[in-house]
């Protein structure tokens, strides 16, 4: 089942297919999405969930505070629901 992701503040929307990470889906749809290593080591793809939920095969190295604030590694994150995300702290 596909999930819809909205990237704020640009309000860019893209679809994540079953089995795709958020980053894979963004890149497959030619969106400029920051990334480097694609394995959760560099933190270049770190973004914050404003609404929705994700799951991971391999839990990323986030502190409890970062998790509570909604930060996620888009290269490792599989959406469990539609998402609204941002790269900023707003």
PDB file of N, CA and C in Angstrom:
ATOM      1  N   UNK A   1       0.839  -1.182   0.000  1.00  0.00           N
ATOM      2  CA  UNK A   1       0.000   0.000   0.000  1.00  0.00           C
ATOM      3  C   UNK A   1       0.887   1.250   0.000  1.00  0.00           C
ATOM      4  N   UNK A   2       0.548   2.218  -0.806  1.00  0.00           N
ATOM      5  CA  UNK A   2       1.356   3.426  -0.905  1.00  0.00           C
ATOM      6  C   UNK A   2       1.023   4.395   0.232  1.00  0.00           C
ATOM      7  N   UNK A   3       2.011   5.229   0.539  1.00  0.00           N
ATOM      8  CA  UNK A   3       1.841   6.284   1.545  1.00  0.00           C
ATOM      9  C   UNK A   3       2.193   7.611   0.887  1.00  0.00           C
ATOM     10  N   UNK A   4       1.510   8.668   1.308  1.00  0.00           N
ATOM     11  CA  UNK A   4       1.750  10.010   0.783  1.00  0.00           C
ATOM     12  C   UNK A   4       2.620  10.767   1.772  1.00  0.00           C
ATOM     13  N   UNK A   5       3.635  11.444   1.260  1.00  0.00           N
ATOM     14  CA  UNK A   5       4.528  12.259   2.080  1.00  0.00           C
ATOM     15  C   UNK A   5       4.452  13.695   1.588  1.00  0.00           C
ATOM     16  N   UNK A   6       4.306  14.616   2.525  1.00  0.00           N
ATOM     17  CA  UNK A   6       4.339  16.045   2.212  1.00  0.00           C
ATOM     18  C   UNK A   6       5.587  16.619   2.874  1.00  0.00           C
ATOM     19  N   UNK A   7       6.410  17.280   2.079  1.00  0.00           N
ATOM     20  CA  UNK A   7       7.630  17.920   2.577  1.00  0.00           C
ATOM     21  C   UNK A   7       7.346  19.401   2.758  1.00  0.00           C
ATOM     22  N   UNK A   8       7.428  19.861   3.998  1.00  0.00           N
ATOM     23  CA  UNK A   8       7.184  21.261   4.343  1.00  0.00           C
ATOM     24  C   UNK A   8       8.509  22.005   4.371  1.00  0.00           C
ATOM     25  N   UNK A   9       8.597  23.270   4.180  1.00  0.00           N
ATOM     26  CA  UNK A   9       7.505  24.205   3.926  1.00  0.00           C
ATOM     27  C   UNK A   9       7.141  24.301   2.448  1.00  0.00           C
ATOM     28  N   UNK A  10       7.834  23.550   1.574  1.00  0.00           N
ATOM     29  CA  UNK A  10       7.591  23.661   0.138  1.00  0.00           C
ATOM     30  C   UNK A  10       6.259  23.043  -0.289  1.00  0.00           C
ATOM     31  N   UNK A  11       5.666  22.223   0.582  1.00  0.00           N
ATOM     32  CA  UNK A  11       4.440  21.490   0.258  1.00  0.00           C
ATOM     33  C   UNK A  11       4.611  20.578  -0.949  1.00  0.00           C
ATOM     34  N   UNK A  12       5.811  20.011  -1.087  1.00  0.00           N
ATOM     35  CA  UNK A  12       6.053  19.019  -2.135  1.00  0.00           C
ATOM     36  C   UNK A  12       5.466  17.690  -1.670  1.00  0.00           C
ATOM     37  N   UNK A  13       4.744  17.038  -2.544  1.00  0.00           N
ATOM     38  CA  UNK A  13       4.143  15.747  -2.221  1.00  0.00           C
ATOM     39  C   UNK A  13       4.782  14.664  -3.068  1.00  0.00           C
ATOM     40  N   UNK A  14       4.991  13.494  -2.453  1.00  0.00           N
ATOM     41  CA  UNK A  14       5.447  12.343  -3.205  1.00  0.00           C
ATOM     42  C   UNK A  14       4.890  11.075  -2.579  1.00  0.00           C
ATOM     43  N   UNK A  15       4.911  10.013  -3.348  1.00  0.00           N
ATOM     44  CA  UNK A  15       4.341   8.737  -2.940  1.00  0.00           C
ATOM     45  C   UNK A  15       5.468   7.762  -2.614  1.00  0.00           C
ATOM     46  N   UNK A  16       5.289   7.022  -1.527  1.00  0.00           N
ATOM     47  CA  UNK A  16       6.230   5.975  -1.152  1.00  0.00           C
ATOM     48  C   UNK A  16       5.532   4.639  -1.366  1.00  0.00           C
ATOM     49  N   UNK A  17       6.110   3.834  -2.231  1.00  0.00           N
ATOM     50  CA  UNK A  17       5.563   2.499  -2.512  1.00  0.00           C
ATOM     51  C   UNK A  17       5.940   1.543  -1.382  1.00  0.00           C
ATOM     52  N   UNK A  18       5.166   0.492  -1.244  1.00  0.00           N
ATOM     53  CA  UNK A  18       5.453  -0.551  -0.255  1.00  0.00           C
ATOM     54  C   UNK A  18       6.893  -1.045  -0.439  1.00  0.00           C
ATOM     55  N   UNK A  19       7.648  -1.138   0.646  1.00  0.00           N
ATOM     56  CA  UNK A  19       9.020  -1.630   0.590  1.00  0.00           C
ATOM     57  C   UNK A  19      10.065  -0.572   0.281  1.00  0.00           C
ATOM     58  N   UNK A  20       9.659   0.669   0.064  1.00  0.00           N
ATOM     59  CA  UNK A  20      10.599   1.756  -0.195  1.00  0.00           C
ATOM     60  C   UNK A  20      10.800   2.576   1.070  1.00  0.00           C
ATOM     61  N   UNK A  21      12.011   3.090   1.224  1.00  0.00           N
ATOM     62  CA  UNK A  21      12.235   4.075   2.279  1.00  0.00           C
ATOM     63  C   UNK A  21      11.773   5.437   1.777  1.00  0.00           C
ATOM     64  N   UNK A  22      11.639   6.366   2.691  1.00  0.00           N
ATOM     65  CA  UNK A  22      11.252   7.731   2.324  1.00  0.00           C
ATOM     66  C   UNK A  22      12.270   8.310   1.345  1.00  0.00           C
ATOM     67  N   UNK A  23      13.548   8.117   1.618  1.00  0.00           N
ATOM     68  CA  UNK A  23      14.594   8.654   0.740  1.00  0.00           C
ATOM     69  C   UNK A  23      14.549   8.012  -0.644  1.00  0.00           C
ATOM     70  N   UNK A  24      14.426   6.695  -0.713  1.00  0.00           N
ATOM     71  CA  UNK A  24      14.354   6.014  -2.011  1.00  0.00           C
ATOM     72  C   UNK A  24      13.216   6.576  -2.861  1.00  0.00           C
ATOM     73  N   UNK A  25      12.064   6.738  -2.242  1.00  0.00           N
ATOM     74  CA  UNK A  25      10.905   7.255  -2.974  1.00  0.00           C
ATOM     75  C   UNK A  25      11.153   8.672  -3.474  1.00  0.00           C
ATOM     76  N   UNK A  26      11.708   9.521  -2.634  1.00  0.00           N
ATOM     77  CA  UNK A  26      11.986  10.905  -3.036  1.00  0.00           C
ATOM     78  C   UNK A  26      12.963  10.942  -4.214  1.00  0.00           C
ATOM     79  N   UNK A  27      14.023  10.180  -4.130  1.00  0.00           N
ATOM     80  CA  UNK A  27      15.021  10.172  -5.203  1.00  0.00           C
ATOM     81  C   UNK A  27      14.455   9.574  -6.484  1.00  0.00           C
ATOM     82  N   UNK A  28      13.633   8.526  -6.367  1.00  0.00           N
ATOM     83  CA  UNK A  28      13.018   7.911  -7.545  1.00  0.00           C
ATOM     84  C   UNK A  28      12.065   8.869  -8.251  1.00  0.00           C
ATOM     85  N   UNK A  29      11.568   9.868  -7.516  1.00  0.00           N
ATOM     86  CA  UNK A  29      10.664  10.852  -8.106  1.00  0.00           C
ATOM     87  C   UNK A  29      11.387  12.168  -8.401  1.00  0.00           C
ATOM     88  N   UNK A  30      12.733  12.077  -8.464  1.00  0.00           N
ATOM     89  CA  UNK A  30      13.590  13.201  -8.861  1.00  0.00           C
ATOM     90  C   UNK A  30      13.467  14.423  -7.959  1.00  0.00           C
ATOM     91  N   UNK A  31      13.227  14.200  -6.673  1.00  0.00           N
ATOM     92  CA  UNK A  31      13.199  15.306  -5.722  1.00  0.00           C
ATOM     93  C   UNK A  31      14.593  15.522  -5.156  1.00  0.00           C
ATOM     94  N   UNK A  32      14.960  16.771  -4.983  1.00  0.00           N
ATOM     95  CA  UNK A  32      16.249  17.100  -4.366  1.00  0.00           C
ATOM     96  C   UNK A  32      16.119  16.838  -2.866  1.00  0.00           C
ATOM     97  N   UNK A  33      16.699  15.760  -2.414  1.00  0.00           N
ATOM     98  CA  UNK A  33      16.588  15.337  -1.022  1.00  0.00           C
ATOM     99  C   UNK A  33      18.002  15.102  -0.514  1.00  0.00           C
ATOM    100  N   UNK A  34      18.419  15.767   0.556  1.00  0.00           N
ATOM    101  CA  UNK A  34      19.795  15.612   1.023  1.00  0.00           C
ATOM    102  C   UNK A  34      20.095  14.170   1.429  1.00  0.00           C
ATOM    103  N   UNK A  35      21.250  13.694   0.996  1.00  0.00           N
ATOM    104  CA  UNK A  35      21.694  12.344   1.362  1.00  0.00           C
ATOM    105  C   UNK A  35      23.158  12.175   0.987  1.00  0.00           C
ATOM    106  N   UNK A  36      23.779  11.169   1.564  1.00  0.00           N
ATOM    107  CA  UNK A  36      25.159  10.830   1.227  1.00  0.00           C
ATOM    108  C   UNK A  36      25.337   9.322   1.247  1.00  0.00           C
ATOM    109  N   UNK A  37      25.311   8.734   2.444  1.00  0.00           N
ATOM    110  CA  UNK A  37      25.706   7.334   2.594  1.00  0.00           C
ATOM    111  C   UNK A  37      24.587   6.332   2.324  1.00  0.00           C
ATOM    112  N   UNK A  38      23.330   6.720   2.538  1.00  0.00           N
ATOM    113  CA  UNK A  38      22.148   5.874   2.348  1.00  0.00           C
ATOM    114  C   UNK A  38      22.057   4.691   3.323  1.00  0.00           C
ATOM    115  N   UNK A  39      22.839   4.719   4.408  1.00  0.00           N
ATOM    116  CA  UNK A  39      22.789   3.630   5.396  1.00  0.00           C
ATOM    117  C   UNK A  39      22.652   4.147   6.829  1.00  0.00           C
ATOM    118  N   UNK A  40      22.341   5.405   7.008  1.00  0.00           N
ATOM    119  CA  UNK A  40      22.107   5.946   8.343  1.00  0.00           C
ATOM    120  C   UNK A  40      23.340   6.302   9.136  1.00  0.00           C
ATOM    121  N   UNK A  41      24.470   6.463   8.464  1.00  0.00           N
ATOM    122  CA  UNK A  41      25.708   6.774   9.180  1.00  0.00           C
ATOM    123  C   UNK A  41      26.077   8.255   9.144  1.00  0.00           C
ATOM    124  N   UNK A  42      25.658   8.975   8.104  1.00  0.00           N
ATOM    125  CA  UNK A  42      26.131  10.353   7.925  1.00  0.00           C
ATOM    126  C   UNK A  42      25.177  11.421   8.453  1.00  0.00           C
ATOM    127  N   UNK A  43      23.916  11.088   8.653  1.00  0.00           N
ATOM    128  CA  UNK A  43      22.877  12.006   9.141  1.00  0.00           C
ATOM    129  C   UNK A  43      22.519  13.109   8.141  1.00  0.00           C
ATOM    130  N   UNK A  44      22.955  13.007   6.899  1.00  0.00           N
ATOM    131  CA  UNK A  44      22.607  14.014   5.893  1.00  0.00           C
ATOM    132  C   UNK A  44      21.119  14.042   5.590  1.00  0.00           C
ATOM    133  N   UNK A  45      20.453  12.904   5.706  1.00  0.00           N
ATOM    134  CA  UNK A  45      19.032  12.814   5.348  1.00  0.00           C
ATOM    135  C   UNK A  45      18.113  12.986   6.559  1.00  0.00           C
ATOM    136  N   UNK A  46      18.662  13.423   7.670  1.00  0.00           N
ATOM    137  CA  UNK A  46      17.877  13.605   8.885  1.00  0.00           C
ATOM    138  C   UNK A  46      16.770  14.623   8.661  1.00  0.00           C
ATOM    139  N   UNK A  47      15.552  14.260   8.998  1.00  0.00           N
ATOM    140  CA  UNK A  47      14.433  15.176   8.909  1.00  0.00           C
ATOM    141  C   UNK A  47      13.483  14.906  10.072  1.00  0.00           C
ATOM    142  N   UNK A  48      12.508  15.799  10.244  1.00  0.00           N
ATOM    143  CA  UNK A  48      11.615  15.708  11.401  1.00  0.00           C
ATOM    144  C   UNK A  48      10.195  15.410  10.951  1.00  0.00           C
ATOM    145  N   UNK A  49       9.563  14.484  11.642  1.00  0.00           N
ATOM    146  CA  UNK A  49       8.183  14.111  11.355  1.00  0.00           C
ATOM    147  C   UNK A  49       7.255  15.095  12.072  1.00  0.00           C
ATOM    148  N   UNK A  50       6.423  15.795  11.311  1.00  0.00           N
ATOM    149  CA  UNK A  50       5.406  16.663  11.909  1.00  0.00           C
ATOM    150  C   UNK A  50       4.140  15.874  12.201  1.00  0.00           C
ATOM    151  N   UNK A  51       3.835  14.911  11.326  1.00  0.00           N
ATOM    152  CA  UNK A  51       2.715  14.008  11.590  1.00  0.00           C
ATOM    153  C   UNK A  51       2.953  12.708  10.849  1.00  0.00           C
ATOM    154  N   UNK A  52       2.426  11.626  11.422  1.00  0.00           N
ATOM    155  CA  UNK A  52       2.600  10.305  10.842  1.00  0.00           C
ATOM    156  C   UNK A  52       3.591   9.480  11.639  1.00  0.00           C
ATOM    157  N   UNK A  53       3.882   8.300  11.127  1.00  0.00           N
ATOM    158  CA  UNK A  53       4.774   7.367  11.827  1.00  0.00           C
ATOM    159  C   UNK A  53       5.583   6.565  10.819  1.00  0.00           C
ATOM    160  N   UNK A  54       6.770   6.158  11.257  1.00  0.00           N
ATOM    161  CA  UNK A  54       7.650   5.338  10.424  1.00  0.00           C
ATOM    162  C   UNK A  54       8.090   4.111  11.208  1.00  0.00           C
ATOM    163  N   UNK A  55       8.620   3.149  10.470  1.00  0.00           N
ATOM    164  CA  UNK A  55       9.176   1.939  11.039  1.00  0.00           C
ATOM    165  C   UNK A  55      10.565   1.767  10.450  1.00  0.00           C
ATOM    166  N   UNK A  56      11.397   0.997  11.115  1.00  0.00           N
ATOM    167  CA  UNK A  56      12.759   0.753  10.648  1.00  0.00           C
ATOM    168  C   UNK A  56      13.064  -0.736  10.679  1.00  0.00           C
ATOM    169  N   UNK A  57      13.843  -1.218   9.688  1.00  0.00           N
ATOM    170  CA  UNK A  57      14.401  -2.568   9.774  1.00  0.00           C
ATOM    171  C   UNK A  57      15.576  -2.548  10.734  1.00  0.00           C
ATOM    172  N   UNK A  58      16.373  -1.492  10.641  1.00  0.00           N
ATOM    173  CA  UNK A  58      17.532  -1.284  11.501  1.00  0.00           C
ATOM    174  C   UNK A  58      17.341   0.048  12.211  1.00  0.00           C
ATOM    175  N   UNK A  59      17.195   0.018  13.513  1.00  0.00           N
ATOM    176  CA  UNK A  59      16.924   1.227  14.298  1.00  0.00           C
ATOM    177  C   UNK A  59      18.091   2.210  14.172  1.00  0.00           C
ATOM    178  N   UNK A  60      17.810   3.466  13.809  1.00  0.00           N
ATOM    179  CA  UNK A  60      18.879   4.459  13.653  1.00  0.00           C
ATOM    180  C   UNK A  60      19.421   4.913  15.006  1.00  0.00           C
ATOM    181  N   UNK A  61      20.599   5.499  14.967  1.00  0.00           N
ATOM    182  CA  UNK A  61      21.241   5.992  16.183  1.00  0.00           C
ATOM    183  C   UNK A  61      20.719   7.383  16.517  1.00  0.00           C
ATOM    184  N   UNK A  62      19.565   7.414  17.145  1.00  0.00           N
ATOM    185  CA  UNK A  62      18.965   8.659  17.608  1.00  0.00           C
ATOM    186  C   UNK A  62      18.848   8.606  19.124  1.00  0.00           C
ATOM    187  N   UNK A  63      19.059   9.745  19.764  1.00  0.00           N
ATOM    188  CA  UNK A  63      18.867   9.794  21.214  1.00  0.00           C
ATOM    189  C   UNK A  63      17.367   9.738  21.515  1.00  0.00           C
ATOM    190  N   UNK A  64      17.010   9.459  22.747  1.00  0.00           N
ATOM    191  CA  UNK A  64      15.600   9.449  23.133  1.00  0.00           C
ATOM    192  C   UNK A  64      14.960  10.820  22.900  1.00  0.00           C
ATOM    193  N   UNK A  65      15.712  11.870  23.194  1.00  0.00           N
ATOM    194  CA  UNK A  65      15.202  13.232  22.986  1.00  0.00           C
ATOM    195  C   UNK A  65      14.926  13.482  21.502  1.00  0.00           C
ATOM    196  N   UNK A  66      15.840  13.058  20.629  1.00  0.00           N
ATOM    197  CA  UNK A  66      15.647  13.229  19.185  1.00  0.00           C
ATOM    198  C   UNK A  66      14.419  12.449  18.707  1.00  0.00           C
ATOM    199  N   UNK A  67      14.246  11.241  19.225  1.00  0.00           N
ATOM    200  CA  UNK A  67      13.067  10.446  18.860  1.00  0.00           C
ATOM    201  C   UNK A  67      11.791  11.154  19.308  1.00  0.00           C
ATOM    202  N   UNK A  68      11.790  11.680  20.521  1.00  0.00           N
ATOM    203  CA  UNK A  68      10.613  12.390  21.038  1.00  0.00           C
ATOM    204  C   UNK A  68      10.308  13.637  20.217  1.00  0.00           C
ATOM    205  N   UNK A  69      11.348  14.261  19.671  1.00  0.00           N
ATOM    206  CA  UNK A  69      11.172  15.459  18.853  1.00  0.00           C
ATOM    207  C   UNK A  69      10.757  15.120  17.420  1.00  0.00           C
ATOM    208  N   UNK A  70      10.718  13.831  17.091  1.00  0.00           N
ATOM    209  CA  UNK A  70      10.257  13.401  15.778  1.00  0.00           C
ATOM    210  C   UNK A  70      11.317  13.253  14.707  1.00  0.00           C
ATOM    211  N   UNK A  71      12.588  13.305  15.069  1.00  0.00           N
ATOM    212  CA  UNK A  71      13.638  13.193  14.055  1.00  0.00           C
ATOM    213  C   UNK A  71      13.692  11.776  13.505  1.00  0.00           C
ATOM    214  N   UNK A  72      14.004  11.666  12.225  1.00  0.00           N
ATOM    215  CA  UNK A  72      14.131  10.349  11.580  1.00  0.00           C
ATOM    216  C   UNK A  72      15.212  10.398  10.508  1.00  0.00           C
ATOM    217  N   UNK A  73      15.758   9.240  10.213  1.00  0.00           N
ATOM    218  CA  UNK A  73      16.680   9.062   9.099  1.00  0.00           C
ATOM    219  C   UNK A  73      15.848   8.593   7.913  1.00  0.00           C
ATOM    220  N   UNK A  74      15.674   9.446   6.912  1.00  0.00           N
ATOM    221  CA  UNK A  74      14.811   9.092   5.783  1.00  0.00           C
ATOM    222  C   UNK A  74      15.352   7.915   4.977  1.00  0.00           C
ATOM    223  N   UNK A  75      16.655   7.662   5.043  1.00  0.00           N
ATOM    224  CA  UNK A  75      17.237   6.544   4.296  1.00  0.00           C
ATOM    225  C   UNK A  75      16.892   5.194   4.910  1.00  0.00           C
ATOM    226  N   UNK A  76      16.462   5.190   6.166  1.00  0.00           N
ATOM    227  CA  UNK A  76      16.119   3.949   6.858  1.00  0.00           C
ATOM    228  C   UNK A  76      14.638   3.830   7.171  1.00  0.00           C
ATOM    229  N   UNK A  77      13.875   4.895   6.957  1.00  0.00           N
ATOM    230  CA  UNK A  77      12.489   4.982   7.418  1.00  0.00           C
ATOM    231  C   UNK A  77      11.493   4.469   6.376  1.00  0.00           C
ATOM    232  N   UNK A  78      10.640   3.538   6.816  1.00  0.00           N
ATOM    233  CA  UNK A  78       9.525   3.034   6.026  1.00  0.00           C
ATOM    234  C   UNK A  78       8.243   3.615   6.618  1.00  0.00           C
ATOM    235  N   UNK A  79       7.477   4.375   5.850  1.00  0.00           N
ATOM    236  CA  UNK A  79       6.268   4.980   6.407  1.00  0.00           C
ATOM    237  C   UNK A  79       5.241   3.932   6.831  1.00  0.00           C
ATOM    238  N   UNK A  80       4.679   4.121   8.015  1.00  0.00           N
ATOM    239  CA  UNK A  80       3.573   3.293   8.481  1.00  0.00           C
ATOM    240  C   UNK A  80       2.247   3.982   8.191  1.00  0.00           C
ATOM    241  N   UNK A  81       2.313   5.263   7.850  1.00  0.00           N
ATOM    242  CA  UNK A  81       1.129   6.072   7.559  1.00  0.00           C
ATOM    243  C   UNK A  81       1.562   7.182   6.614  1.00  0.00           C
ATOM    244  N   UNK A  82       0.616   7.996   6.187  1.00  0.00           N
ATOM    245  CA  UNK A  82       0.983   9.203   5.456  1.00  0.00           C
ATOM    246  C   UNK A  82       1.826  10.065   6.394  1.00  0.00           C
ATOM    247  N   UNK A  83       2.742  10.853   5.814  1.00  0.00           N
ATOM    248  CA  UNK A  83       3.676  11.653   6.613  1.00  0.00           C
ATOM    249  C   UNK A  83       3.657  13.109   6.191  1.00  0.00           C
ATOM    250  N   UNK A  84       3.927  13.969   7.142  1.00  0.00           N
ATOM    251  CA  UNK A  84       4.304  15.361   6.883  1.00  0.00           C
ATOM    252  C   UNK A  84       5.656  15.522   7.539  1.00  0.00           C
ATOM    253  N   UNK A  85       6.669  15.917   6.752  1.00  0.00           N
ATOM    254  CA  UNK A  85       8.033  16.028   7.261  1.00  0.00           C
ATOM    255  C   UNK A  85       8.630  17.377   6.923  1.00  0.00           C
ATOM    256  N   UNK A  86       9.698  17.723   7.624  1.00  0.00           N
ATOM    257  CA  UNK A  86      10.431  18.958   7.367  1.00  0.00           C
ATOM    258  C   UNK A  86      11.903  18.720   7.684  1.00  0.00           C
ATOM    259  N   UNK A  87      12.764  19.530   7.081  1.00  0.00           N
ATOM    260  CA  UNK A  87      14.192  19.454   7.403  1.00  0.00           C
ATOM    261  C   UNK A  87      14.576  20.397   8.527  1.00  0.00           C
ATOM    262  N   UNK A  88      13.692  21.324   8.887  1.00  0.00           N
ATOM    263  CA  UNK A  88      14.019  22.330   9.878  1.00  0.00           C
ATOM    264  C   UNK A  88      13.520  22.009  11.255  1.00  0.00           C
ATOM    265  N   UNK A  89      13.782  22.919  12.182  1.00  0.00           N
ATOM    266  CA  UNK A  89      13.378  22.788  13.567  1.00  0.00           C
ATOM    267  C   UNK A  89      12.033  23.440  13.858  1.00  0.00           C
ATOM    268  N   UNK A  90      11.452  24.129  12.872  1.00  0.00           N
ATOM    269  CA  UNK A  90      10.243  24.902  13.117  1.00  0.00           C
ATOM    270  C   UNK A  90       9.149  24.036  13.674  1.00  0.00           C
TER     271      UNK A  90
END
